[in-house]
Amino acid sequence: YVTKAPTLEEIETAKKGVAESKGWEKCDRCGGRFQVFPGRREDGSLT
């Protein structure tokens, strides 16, 4: 439950963490690691 909006500093920290992870995420269904490509990769794939 969110009762207070995050600050700008916290948002910048989150953006920096996403950039450094290079799109690697943990699958919510199988628990495996995979890479996601917002805006699509050069070959057209999203993940």
ModelCIF file with pLDDT and N, C-alpha, C, O atoms, coordinates in Angstrom:
data_MODEL
#
_entry.id   MODEL 
#
_entity.id                         1 
_entity.type                       polymer 
_entity.pdbx_number_of_molecules   1 
#
_entity_poly.entity_id                      1 
_entity_poly.type                           'polypeptide(L)' 
_entity_poly.nstd_linkage                   no 
_entity_poly.nstd_monomer                   no 
_entity_poly.pdbx_seq_one_letter_code       YVTKAPTLEEIETAKKGVAESKGWEKCDRCGGRFQVFPGRREDGSLT 
_entity_poly.pdbx_seq_one_letter_code_can   YVTKAPTLEEIETAKKGVAESKGWEKCDRCGGRFQVFPGRREDGSLT 
_entity_poly.pdbx_strand_id                 A 
#
loop_
_entity_poly_seq.entity_id 
_entity_poly_seq.num 
_entity_poly_seq.mon_id 
_entity_poly_seq.hetero 
1 1  TYR n 
1 2  VAL n 
1 3  THR n 
1 4  LYS n 
1 5  ALA n 
1 6  PRO n 
1 7  THR n 
1 8  LEU n 
1 9  GLU n 
1 10 GLU n 
1 11 ILE n 
1 12 GLU n 
1 13 THR n 
1 14 ALA n 
1 15 LYS n 
1 16 LYS n 
1 17 GLY n 
1 18 VAL n 
1 19 ALA n 
1 20 GLU n 
1 21 SER n 
1 22 LYS n 
1 23 GLY n 
1 24 TRP n 
1 25 GLU n 
1 26 LYS n 
1 27 CYS n 
1 28 ASP n 
1 29 ARG n 
1 30 CYS n 
1 31 GLY n 
1 32 GLY n 
1 33 ARG n 
1 34 PHE n 
1 35 GLN n 
1 36 VAL n 
1 37 PHE n 
1 38 PRO n 
1 39 GLY n 
1 40 ARG n 
1 41 ARG n 
1 42 GLU n 
1 43 ASP n 
1 44 GLY n 
1 45 SER n 
1 46 LEU n 
1 47 THR n 
#
_struct_asym.id          A 
_struct_asym.entity_id   1 
#
loop_
_ma_qa_metric.id 
_ma_qa_metric.mode 
_ma_qa_metric.name 
_ma_qa_metric.software_group_id 
_ma_qa_metric.type 
1 global pLDDT . pLDDT 
2 local  pLDDT . pLDDT 
#
_ma_qa_metric_global.metric_id      1 
_ma_qa_metric_global.metric_value   94.32 
_ma_qa_metric_global.model_id       1 
_ma_qa_metric_global.ordinal_id     1 
#
loop_
_ma_qa_metric_local.label_asym_id 
_ma_qa_metric_local.label_comp_id 
_ma_qa_metric_local.label_seq_id 
_ma_qa_metric_local.metric_id 
_ma_qa_metric_local.metric_value 
_ma_qa_metric_local.model_id 
_ma_qa_metric_local.ordinal_id 
A TYR 1  2 95.00 1 1  
A VAL 2  2 95.00 1 2  
A THR 3  2 94.00 1 3  
A LYS 4  2 94.00 1 4  
A ALA 5  2 96.00 1 5  
A PRO 6  2 96.00 1 6  
A THR 7  2 96.00 1 7  
A LEU 8  2 96.00 1 8  
A GLU 9  2 96.00 1 9  
A GLU 10 2 96.00 1 10 
A ILE 11 2 96.00 1 11 
A GLU 12 2 96.00 1 12 
A THR 13 2 96.00 1 13 
A ALA 14 2 96.00 1 14 
A LYS 15 2 95.00 1 15 
A LYS 16 2 96.00 1 16 
A GLY 17 2 95.00 1 17 
A VAL 18 2 95.00 1 18 
A ALA 19 2 94.00 1 19 
A GLU 20 2 95.00 1 20 
A SER 21 2 95.00 1 21 
A LYS 22 2 94.00 1 22 
A GLY 23 2 94.00 1 23 
A TRP 24 2 96.00 1 24 
A GLU 25 2 96.00 1 25 
A LYS 26 2 96.00 1 26 
A CYS 27 2 96.00 1 27 
A ASP 28 2 94.00 1 28 
A ARG 29 2 93.00 1 29 
A CYS 30 2 91.00 1 30 
A GLY 31 2 92.00 1 31 
A GLY 32 2 93.00 1 32 
A ARG 33 2 95.00 1 33 
A PHE 34 2 96.00 1 34 
A GLN 35 2 96.00 1 35 
A VAL 36 2 96.00 1 36 
A PHE 37 2 95.00 1 37 
A PRO 38 2 92.00 1 38 
A GLY 39 2 90.00 1 39 
A ARG 40 2 91.00 1 40 
A ARG 41 2 91.00 1 41 
A GLU 42 2 89.00 1 42 
A ASP 43 2 90.00 1 43 
A GLY 44 2 91.00 1 44 
A SER 45 2 93.00 1 45 
A LEU 46 2 95.00 1 46 
A THR 47 2 95.00 1 47 
#
loop_
_atom_site.group_PDB 
_atom_site.id 
_atom_site.type_symbol 
_atom_site.label_atom_id 
_atom_site.label_alt_id 
_atom_site.label_comp_id 
_atom_site.label_asym_id 
_atom_site.label_entity_id 
_atom_site.label_seq_id 
_atom_site.pdbx_PDB_ins_code 
_atom_site.Cartn_x 
_atom_site.Cartn_y 
_atom_site.Cartn_z 
_atom_site.occupancy 
_atom_site.B_iso_or_equiv 
_atom_site.pdbx_formal_charge 
_atom_site.auth_seq_id 
_atom_site.auth_comp_id 
_atom_site.auth_asym_id 
_atom_site.auth_atom_id 
_atom_site.pdbx_PDB_model_num 
ATOM 1   N N  . TYR A 1 1  ? 0.848  -1.191  0.000   1.00 95.00 ? 1  TYR A N  1 
ATOM 2   C CA . TYR A 1 1  ? 0.000  0.000   0.000   1.00 95.00 ? 1  TYR A CA 1 
ATOM 3   C C  . TYR A 1 1  ? 0.886  1.244   0.000   1.00 95.00 ? 1  TYR A C  1 
ATOM 4   O O  . TYR A 1 1  ? 1.808  1.353   0.808   1.00 95.00 ? 1  TYR A O  1 
ATOM 5   N N  . VAL A 1 2  ? 0.608  2.174   -0.900  1.00 95.00 ? 2  VAL A N  1 
ATOM 6   C CA . VAL A 1 2  ? 1.407  3.396   -1.041  1.00 95.00 ? 2  VAL A CA 1 
ATOM 7   C C  . VAL A 1 2  ? 0.637  4.548   -0.408  1.00 95.00 ? 2  VAL A C  1 
ATOM 8   O O  . VAL A 1 2  ? -0.483 4.854   -0.818  1.00 95.00 ? 2  VAL A O  1 
ATOM 9   N N  . THR A 1 3  ? 1.228  5.173   0.572   1.00 94.00 ? 3  THR A N  1 
ATOM 10  C CA . THR A 1 3  ? 0.607  6.313   1.248   1.00 94.00 ? 3  THR A CA 1 
ATOM 11  C C  . THR A 1 3  ? 1.369  7.612   0.996   1.00 94.00 ? 3  THR A C  1 
ATOM 12  O O  . THR A 1 3  ? 0.916  8.686   1.393   1.00 94.00 ? 3  THR A O  1 
ATOM 13  N N  . LYS A 1 4  ? 2.527  7.517   0.335   1.00 94.00 ? 4  LYS A N  1 
ATOM 14  C CA . LYS A 1 4  ? 3.339  8.693   0.085   1.00 94.00 ? 4  LYS A CA 1 
ATOM 15  C C  . LYS A 1 4  ? 4.056  8.512   -1.247  1.00 94.00 ? 4  LYS A C  1 
ATOM 16  O O  . LYS A 1 4  ? 4.630  7.457   -1.515  1.00 94.00 ? 4  LYS A O  1 
ATOM 17  N N  . ALA A 1 5  ? 4.017  9.551   -2.078  1.00 96.00 ? 5  ALA A N  1 
ATOM 18  C CA . ALA A 1 5  ? 4.647  9.472   -3.393  1.00 96.00 ? 5  ALA A CA 1 
ATOM 19  C C  . ALA A 1 5  ? 6.168  9.494   -3.258  1.00 96.00 ? 5  ALA A C  1 
ATOM 20  O O  . ALA A 1 5  ? 6.690  10.232  -2.424  1.00 96.00 ? 5  ALA A O  1 
ATOM 21  N N  . PRO A 1 6  ? 6.893  8.706   -4.054  1.00 96.00 ? 6  PRO A N  1 
ATOM 22  C CA . PRO A 1 6  ? 8.361  8.722   -4.001  1.00 96.00 ? 6  PRO A CA 1 
ATOM 23  C C  . PRO A 1 6  ? 8.914  10.089  -4.402  1.00 96.00 ? 6  PRO A C  1 
ATOM 24  O O  . PRO A 1 6  ? 8.289  10.815  -5.174  1.00 96.00 ? 6  PRO A O  1 
ATOM 25  N N  . THR A 1 7  ? 10.075 10.430  -3.880  1.00 96.00 ? 7  THR A N  1 
ATOM 26  C CA . THR A 1 7  ? 10.718 11.702  -4.212  1.00 96.00 ? 7  THR A CA 1 
ATOM 27  C C  . THR A 1 7  ? 11.425 11.601  -5.559  1.00 96.00 ? 7  THR A C  1 
ATOM 28  O O  . THR A 1 7  ? 11.595 10.512  -6.107  1.00 96.00 ? 7  THR A O  1 
ATOM 29  N N  . LEU A 1 8  ? 11.830 12.750  -6.079  1.00 96.00 ? 8  LEU A N  1 
ATOM 30  C CA . LEU A 1 8  ? 12.544 12.773  -7.355  1.00 96.00 ? 8  LEU A CA 1 
ATOM 31  C C  . LEU A 1 8  ? 13.871 12.036  -7.255  1.00 96.00 ? 8  LEU A C  1 
ATOM 32  O O  . LEU A 1 8  ? 14.292 11.375  -8.204  1.00 96.00 ? 8  LEU A O  1 
ATOM 33  N N  . GLU A 1 9  ? 14.537 12.150  -6.090  1.00 96.00 ? 9  GLU A N  1 
ATOM 34  C CA . GLU A 1 9  ? 15.811 11.451  -5.916  1.00 96.00 ? 9  GLU A CA 1 
ATOM 35  C C  . GLU A 1 9  ? 15.616 9.935   -5.970  1.00 96.00 ? 9  GLU A C  1 
ATOM 36  O O  . GLU A 1 9  ? 16.423 9.222   -6.565  1.00 96.00 ? 9  GLU A O  1 
ATOM 37  N N  . GLU A 1 10 ? 14.557 9.456   -5.356  1.00 96.00 ? 10 GLU A N  1 
ATOM 38  C CA . GLU A 1 10 ? 14.282 8.020   -5.391  1.00 96.00 ? 10 GLU A CA 1 
ATOM 39  C C  . GLU A 1 10 ? 13.961 7.556   -6.814  1.00 96.00 ? 10 GLU A C  1 
ATOM 40  O O  . GLU A 1 10 ? 14.354 6.464   -7.222  1.00 96.00 ? 10 GLU A O  1 
ATOM 41  N N  . ILE A 1 11 ? 13.252 8.388   -7.552  1.00 96.00 ? 11 ILE A N  1 
ATOM 42  C CA . ILE A 1 11 ? 12.922 8.024   -8.935  1.00 96.00 ? 11 ILE A CA 1 
ATOM 43  C C  . ILE A 1 11 ? 14.173 7.947   -9.790  1.00 96.00 ? 11 ILE A C  1 
ATOM 44  O O  . ILE A 1 11 ? 14.307 7.034   -10.604 1.00 96.00 ? 11 ILE A O  1 
ATOM 45  N N  . GLU A 1 12 ? 15.099 8.895   -9.618  1.00 96.00 ? 12 GLU A N  1 
ATOM 46  C CA . GLU A 1 12 ? 16.344 8.878   -10.378 1.00 96.00 ? 12 GLU A CA 1 
ATOM 47  C C  . GLU A 1 12 ? 17.186 7.654   -10.031 1.00 96.00 ? 12 GLU A C  1 
ATOM 48  O O  . GLU A 1 12 ? 17.825 7.061   -10.900 1.00 96.00 ? 12 GLU A O  1 
ATOM 49  N N  . THR A 1 13 ? 17.178 7.286   -8.764  1.00 96.00 ? 13 THR A N  1 
ATOM 50  C CA . THR A 1 13 ? 17.907 6.080   -8.359  1.00 96.00 ? 13 THR A CA 1 
ATOM 51  C C  . THR A 1 13 ? 17.330 4.840   -9.035  1.00 96.00 ? 13 THR A C  1 
ATOM 52  O O  . THR A 1 13 ? 18.072 3.955   -9.463  1.00 96.00 ? 13 THR A O  1 
ATOM 53  N N  . ALA A 1 14 ? 16.013 4.784   -9.127  1.00 96.00 ? 14 ALA A N  1 
ATOM 54  C CA . ALA A 1 14 ? 15.370 3.648   -9.781  1.00 96.00 ? 14 ALA A CA 1 
ATOM 55  C C  . ALA A 1 14 ? 15.710 3.598   -11.266 1.00 96.00 ? 14 ALA A C  1 
ATOM 56  O O  . ALA A 1 14 ? 15.975 2.523   -11.804 1.00 96.00 ? 14 ALA A O  1 
ATOM 57  N N  . LYS A 1 15 ? 15.704 4.744   -11.928 1.00 95.00 ? 15 LYS A N  1 
ATOM 58  C CA . LYS A 1 15 ? 16.031 4.783   -13.358 1.00 95.00 ? 15 LYS A CA 1 
ATOM 59  C C  . LYS A 1 15 ? 17.476 4.355   -13.600 1.00 95.00 ? 15 LYS A C  1 
ATOM 60  O O  . LYS A 1 15 ? 17.778 3.661   -14.571 1.00 95.00 ? 15 LYS A O  1 
ATOM 61  N N  . LYS A 1 16 ? 18.361 4.780   -12.704 1.00 96.00 ? 16 LYS A N  1 
ATOM 62  C CA . LYS A 1 16 ? 19.767 4.403   -12.844 1.00 96.00 ? 16 LYS A CA 1 
ATOM 63  C C  . LYS A 1 16 ? 19.935 2.896   -12.668 1.00 96.00 ? 16 LYS A C  1 
ATOM 64  O O  . LYS A 1 16 ? 20.721 2.270   -13.380 1.00 96.00 ? 16 LYS A O  1 
ATOM 65  N N  . GLY A 1 17 ? 19.204 2.317   -11.728 1.00 95.00 ? 17 GLY A N  1 
ATOM 66  C CA . GLY A 1 17 ? 19.288 0.873   -11.520 1.00 95.00 ? 17 GLY A CA 1 
ATOM 67  C C  . GLY A 1 17 ? 18.787 0.085   -12.717 1.00 95.00 ? 17 GLY A C  1 
ATOM 68  O O  . GLY A 1 17 ? 19.364 -0.944  -13.067 1.00 95.00 ? 17 GLY A O  1 
ATOM 69  N N  . VAL A 1 18 ? 17.720 0.555   -13.348 1.00 95.00 ? 18 VAL A N  1 
ATOM 70  C CA . VAL A 1 18 ? 17.191 -0.116  -14.537 1.00 95.00 ? 18 VAL A CA 1 
ATOM 71  C C  . VAL A 1 18 ? 18.189 -0.031  -15.687 1.00 95.00 ? 18 VAL A C  1 
ATOM 72  O O  . VAL A 1 18 ? 18.379 -0.999  -16.422 1.00 95.00 ? 18 VAL A O  1 
ATOM 73  N N  . ALA A 1 19 ? 18.819 1.117   -15.839 1.00 94.00 ? 19 ALA A N  1 
ATOM 74  C CA . ALA A 1 19 ? 19.801 1.273   -16.914 1.00 94.00 ? 19 ALA A CA 1 
ATOM 75  C C  . ALA A 1 19 ? 21.004 0.357   -16.718 1.00 94.00 ? 19 ALA A C  1 
ATOM 76  O O  . ALA A 1 19 ? 21.509 -0.223  -17.679 1.00 94.00 ? 19 ALA A O  1 
ATOM 77  N N  . GLU A 1 20 ? 21.465 0.227   -15.477 1.00 95.00 ? 20 GLU A N  1 
ATOM 78  C CA . GLU A 1 20 ? 22.625 -0.612  -15.208 1.00 95.00 ? 20 GLU A CA 1 
ATOM 79  C C  . GLU A 1 20 ? 22.312 -2.107  -15.321 1.00 95.00 ? 20 GLU A C  1 
ATOM 80  O O  . GLU A 1 20 ? 23.211 -2.905  -15.586 1.00 95.00 ? 20 GLU A O  1 
ATOM 81  N N  . SER A 1 21 ? 21.060 -2.492  -15.124 1.00 95.00 ? 21 SER A N  1 
ATOM 82  C CA . SER A 1 21 ? 20.692 -3.908  -15.241 1.00 95.00 ? 21 SER A CA 1 
ATOM 83  C C  . SER A 1 21 ? 20.627 -4.375  -16.682 1.00 95.00 ? 21 SER A C  1 
ATOM 84  O O  . SER A 1 21 ? 20.588 -5.575  -16.951 1.00 95.00 ? 21 SER A O  1 
ATOM 85  N N  . LYS A 1 22 ? 20.615 -3.406  -17.627 1.00 94.00 ? 22 LYS A N  1 
ATOM 86  C CA . LYS A 1 22 ? 20.596 -3.708  -19.069 1.00 94.00 ? 22 LYS A CA 1 
ATOM 87  C C  . LYS A 1 22 ? 19.407 -4.595  -19.460 1.00 94.00 ? 22 LYS A C  1 
ATOM 88  O O  . LYS A 1 22 ? 19.514 -5.445  -20.344 1.00 94.00 ? 22 LYS A O  1 
ATOM 89  N N  . GLY A 1 23 ? 18.302 -4.382  -18.801 1.00 94.00 ? 23 GLY A N  1 
ATOM 90  C CA . GLY A 1 23 ? 17.068 -5.072  -19.179 1.00 94.00 ? 23 GLY A CA 1 
ATOM 91  C C  . GLY A 1 23 ? 16.892 -6.462  -18.624 1.00 94.00 ? 23 GLY A C  1 
ATOM 92  O O  . GLY A 1 23 ? 15.918 -7.127  -18.976 1.00 94.00 ? 23 GLY A O  1 
ATOM 93  N N  . TRP A 1 24 ? 17.780 -6.936  -17.776 1.00 96.00 ? 24 TRP A N  1 
ATOM 94  C CA . TRP A 1 24 ? 17.635 -8.279  -17.222 1.00 96.00 ? 24 TRP A CA 1 
ATOM 95  C C  . TRP A 1 24 ? 16.569 -8.287  -16.125 1.00 96.00 ? 24 TRP A C  1 
ATOM 96  O O  . TRP A 1 24 ? 16.598 -7.464  -15.210 1.00 96.00 ? 24 TRP A O  1 
ATOM 97  N N  . GLU A 1 25 ? 15.626 -9.235  -16.231 1.00 96.00 ? 25 GLU A N  1 
ATOM 98  C CA . GLU A 1 25 ? 14.527 -9.343  -15.280 1.00 96.00 ? 25 GLU A CA 1 
ATOM 99  C C  . GLU A 1 25 ? 14.332 -10.803 -14.885 1.00 96.00 ? 25 GLU A C  1 
ATOM 100 O O  . GLU A 1 25 ? 14.887 -11.715 -15.497 1.00 96.00 ? 25 GLU A O  1 
ATOM 101 N N  . LYS A 1 26 ? 13.533 -10.993 -13.853 1.00 96.00 ? 26 LYS A N  1 
ATOM 102 C CA . LYS A 1 26 ? 13.168 -12.331 -13.407 1.00 96.00 ? 26 LYS A CA 1 
ATOM 103 C C  . LYS A 1 26 ? 11.734 -12.607 -13.830 1.00 96.00 ? 26 LYS A C  1 
ATOM 104 O O  . LYS A 1 26 ? 10.832 -11.823 -13.531 1.00 96.00 ? 26 LYS A O  1 
ATOM 105 N N  . CYS A 1 27 ? 11.521 -13.720 -14.524 1.00 96.00 ? 27 CYS A N  1 
ATOM 106 C CA . CYS A 1 27 ? 10.189 -14.050 -15.040 1.00 96.00 ? 27 CYS A CA 1 
ATOM 107 C C  . CYS A 1 27 ? 9.222  -14.275 -13.876 1.00 96.00 ? 27 CYS A C  1 
ATOM 108 O O  . CYS A 1 27 ? 9.532  -14.989 -12.923 1.00 96.00 ? 27 CYS A O  1 
ATOM 109 N N  . ASP A 1 28 ? 8.058  -13.658 -13.973 1.00 94.00 ? 28 ASP A N  1 
ATOM 110 C CA . ASP A 1 28 ? 7.056  -13.767 -12.922 1.00 94.00 ? 28 ASP A CA 1 
ATOM 111 C C  . ASP A 1 28 ? 6.350  -15.115 -12.943 1.00 94.00 ? 28 ASP A C  1 
ATOM 112 O O  . ASP A 1 28 ? 5.657  -15.459 -11.985 1.00 94.00 ? 28 ASP A O  1 
ATOM 113 N N  . ARG A 1 29 ? 6.512  -15.882 -14.013 1.00 93.00 ? 29 ARG A N  1 
ATOM 114 C CA . ARG A 1 29 ? 5.809  -17.153 -14.144 1.00 93.00 ? 29 ARG A CA 1 
ATOM 115 C C  . ARG A 1 29 ? 6.717  -18.353 -13.852 1.00 93.00 ? 29 ARG A C  1 
ATOM 116 O O  . ARG A 1 29 ? 6.379  -19.216 -13.040 1.00 93.00 ? 29 ARG A O  1 
ATOM 117 N N  . CYS A 1 30 ? 7.867  -18.395 -14.520 1.00 91.00 ? 30 CYS A N  1 
ATOM 118 C CA . CYS A 1 30 ? 8.743  -19.557 -14.345 1.00 91.00 ? 30 CYS A CA 1 
ATOM 119 C C  . CYS A 1 30 ? 9.928  -19.276 -13.429 1.00 91.00 ? 30 CYS A C  1 
ATOM 120 O O  . CYS A 1 30 ? 10.607 -20.212 -13.007 1.00 91.00 ? 30 CYS A O  1 
ATOM 121 N N  . GLY A 1 31 ? 10.193 -18.014 -13.113 1.00 92.00 ? 31 GLY A N  1 
ATOM 122 C CA . GLY A 1 31 ? 11.296 -17.660 -12.236 1.00 92.00 ? 31 GLY A CA 1 
ATOM 123 C C  . GLY A 1 31 ? 12.642 -17.596 -12.918 1.00 92.00 ? 31 GLY A C  1 
ATOM 124 O O  . GLY A 1 31 ? 13.654 -17.375 -12.253 1.00 92.00 ? 31 GLY A O  1 
ATOM 125 N N  . GLY A 1 32 ? 12.686 -17.783 -14.228 1.00 93.00 ? 32 GLY A N  1 
ATOM 126 C CA . GLY A 1 32 ? 13.948 -17.728 -14.955 1.00 93.00 ? 32 GLY A CA 1 
ATOM 127 C C  . GLY A 1 32 ? 14.382 -16.305 -15.262 1.00 93.00 ? 32 GLY A C  1 
ATOM 128 O O  . GLY A 1 32 ? 13.587 -15.369 -15.179 1.00 93.00 ? 32 GLY A O  1 
ATOM 129 N N  . ARG A 1 33 ? 15.643 -16.155 -15.614 1.00 95.00 ? 33 ARG A N  1 
ATOM 130 C CA . ARG A 1 33 ? 16.192 -14.845 -15.963 1.00 95.00 ? 33 ARG A CA 1 
ATOM 131 C C  . ARG A 1 33 ? 16.095 -14.641 -17.472 1.00 95.00 ? 33 ARG A C  1 
ATOM 132 O O  . ARG A 1 33 ? 16.362 -15.559 -18.246 1.00 95.00 ? 33 ARG A O  1 
ATOM 133 N N  . PHE A 1 34 ? 15.719 -13.452 -17.878 1.00 96.00 ? 34 PHE A N  1 
ATOM 134 C CA . PHE A 1 34 ? 15.647 -13.122 -19.302 1.00 96.00 ? 34 PHE A CA 1 
ATOM 135 C C  . PHE A 1 34 ? 15.882 -11.630 -19.462 1.00 96.00 ? 34 PHE A C  1 
ATOM 136 O O  . PHE A 1 34 ? 15.921 -10.882 -18.485 1.00 96.00 ? 34 PHE A O  1 
ATOM 137 N N  . GLN A 1 35 ? 16.036 -11.216 -20.698 1.00 96.00 ? 35 GLN A N  1 
ATOM 138 C CA . GLN A 1 35 ? 16.320 -9.810  -20.995 1.00 96.00 ? 35 GLN A CA 1 
ATOM 139 C C  . GLN A 1 35 ? 15.161 -9.215  -21.773 1.00 96.00 ? 35 GLN A C  1 
ATOM 140 O O  . GLN A 1 35 ? 14.615 -9.847  -22.677 1.00 96.00 ? 35 GLN A O  1 
ATOM 141 N N  . VAL A 1 36 ? 14.794 -7.997  -21.417 1.00 96.00 ? 36 VAL A N  1 
ATOM 142 C CA . VAL A 1 36 ? 13.694 -7.314  -22.078 1.00 96.00 ? 36 VAL A CA 1 
ATOM 143 C C  . VAL A 1 36 ? 14.232 -6.112  -22.835 1.00 96.00 ? 36 VAL A C  1 
ATOM 144 O O  . VAL A 1 36 ? 15.168 -5.451  -22.386 1.00 96.00 ? 36 VAL A O  1 
ATOM 145 N N  . PHE A 1 37 ? 13.624 -5.830  -24.004 1.00 95.00 ? 37 PHE A N  1 
ATOM 146 C CA . PHE A 1 37 ? 14.104 -4.758  -24.883 1.00 95.00 ? 37 PHE A CA 1 
ATOM 147 C C  . PHE A 1 37 ? 12.970 -3.783  -25.181 1.00 95.00 ? 37 PHE A C  1 
ATOM 148 O O  . PHE A 1 37 ? 12.287 -3.938  -26.193 1.00 95.00 ? 37 PHE A O  1 
ATOM 149 N N  . PRO A 1 38 ? 12.749 -2.775  -24.320 1.00 92.00 ? 38 PRO A N  1 
ATOM 150 C CA . PRO A 1 38 ? 11.723 -1.766  -24.614 1.00 92.00 ? 38 PRO A CA 1 
ATOM 151 C C  . PRO A 1 38 ? 12.039 -1.051  -25.928 1.00 92.00 ? 38 PRO A C  1 
ATOM 152 O O  . PRO A 1 38 ? 13.183 -0.665  -26.170 1.00 92.00 ? 38 PRO A O  1 
ATOM 153 N N  . GLY A 1 39 ? 11.037 -0.880  -26.760 1.00 90.00 ? 39 GLY A N  1 
ATOM 154 C CA . GLY A 1 39 ? 11.245 -0.263  -28.058 1.00 90.00 ? 39 GLY A CA 1 
ATOM 155 C C  . GLY A 1 39 ? 11.740 -1.225  -29.110 1.00 90.00 ? 39 GLY A C  1 
ATOM 156 O O  . GLY A 1 39 ? 11.965 -0.814  -30.248 1.00 90.00 ? 39 GLY A O  1 
ATOM 157 N N  . ARG A 1 40 ? 11.921 -2.497  -28.776 1.00 91.00 ? 40 ARG A N  1 
ATOM 158 C CA . ARG A 1 40 ? 12.353 -3.588  -29.646 1.00 91.00 ? 40 ARG A CA 1 
ATOM 159 C C  . ARG A 1 40 ? 13.847 -3.521  -29.955 1.00 91.00 ? 40 ARG A C  1 
ATOM 160 O O  . ARG A 1 40 ? 14.441 -2.451  -30.087 1.00 91.00 ? 40 ARG A O  1 
ATOM 161 N N  . ARG A 1 41 ? 14.420 -4.711  -30.063 1.00 91.00 ? 41 ARG A N  1 
ATOM 162 C CA . ARG A 1 41 ? 15.814 -4.848  -30.442 1.00 91.00 ? 41 ARG A CA 1 
ATOM 163 C C  . ARG A 1 41 ? 15.925 -4.708  -31.952 1.00 91.00 ? 41 ARG A C  1 
ATOM 164 O O  . ARG A 1 41 ? 14.912 -4.632  -32.648 1.00 91.00 ? 41 ARG A O  1 
ATOM 165 N N  . GLU A 1 42 ? 17.158 -4.674  -32.462 1.00 89.00 ? 42 GLU A N  1 
ATOM 166 C CA . GLU A 1 42 ? 17.360 -4.493  -33.893 1.00 89.00 ? 42 GLU A CA 1 
ATOM 167 C C  . GLU A 1 42 ? 16.703 -5.598  -34.709 1.00 89.00 ? 42 GLU A C  1 
ATOM 168 O O  . GLU A 1 42 ? 16.217 -5.352  -35.813 1.00 89.00 ? 42 GLU A O  1 
ATOM 169 N N  . ASP A 1 43 ? 16.686 -6.818  -34.167 1.00 90.00 ? 43 ASP A N  1 
ATOM 170 C CA . ASP A 1 43 ? 16.058 -7.921  -34.900 1.00 90.00 ? 43 ASP A CA 1 
ATOM 171 C C  . ASP A 1 43 ? 14.542 -7.972  -34.706 1.00 90.00 ? 43 ASP A C  1 
ATOM 172 O O  . ASP A 1 43 ? 13.888 -8.881  -35.215 1.00 90.00 ? 43 ASP A O  1 
ATOM 173 N N  . GLY A 1 44 ? 13.971 -6.996  -33.968 1.00 91.00 ? 44 GLY A N  1 
ATOM 174 C CA . GLY A 1 44 ? 12.519 -6.912  -33.790 1.00 91.00 ? 44 GLY A CA 1 
ATOM 175 C C  . GLY A 1 44 ? 11.973 -7.615  -32.573 1.00 91.00 ? 44 GLY A C  1 
ATOM 176 O O  . GLY A 1 44 ? 10.774 -7.531  -32.307 1.00 91.00 ? 44 GLY A O  1 
ATOM 177 N N  . SER A 1 45 ? 12.819 -8.314  -31.817 1.00 93.00 ? 45 SER A N  1 
ATOM 178 C CA . SER A 1 45 ? 12.335 -9.046  -30.648 1.00 93.00 ? 45 SER A CA 1 
ATOM 179 C C  . SER A 1 45 ? 12.190 -8.111  -29.452 1.00 93.00 ? 45 SER A C  1 
ATOM 180 O O  . SER A 1 45 ? 12.892 -7.107  -29.334 1.00 93.00 ? 45 SER A O  1 
ATOM 181 N N  . LEU A 1 46 ? 11.248 -8.473  -28.557 1.00 95.00 ? 46 LEU A N  1 
ATOM 182 C CA . LEU A 1 46 ? 10.997 -7.694  -27.347 1.00 95.00 ? 46 LEU A CA 1 
ATOM 183 C C  . LEU A 1 46 ? 11.663 -8.300  -26.116 1.00 95.00 ? 46 LEU A C  1 
ATOM 184 O O  . LEU A 1 46 ? 11.991 -7.581  -25.172 1.00 95.00 ? 46 LEU A O  1 
ATOM 185 N N  . THR A 1 47 ? 11.864 -9.620  -26.121 1.00 95.00 ? 47 THR A N  1 
ATOM 186 C CA . THR A 1 47 ? 12.485 -10.296 -24.988 1.00 95.00 ? 47 THR A CA 1 
ATOM 187 C C  . THR A 1 47 ? 13.401 -11.400 -25.496 1.00 95.00 ? 47 THR A C  1 
ATOM 188 O O  . THR A 1 47 ? 14.028 -12.098 -24.700 1.00 95.00 ? 47 THR A O  1 
#
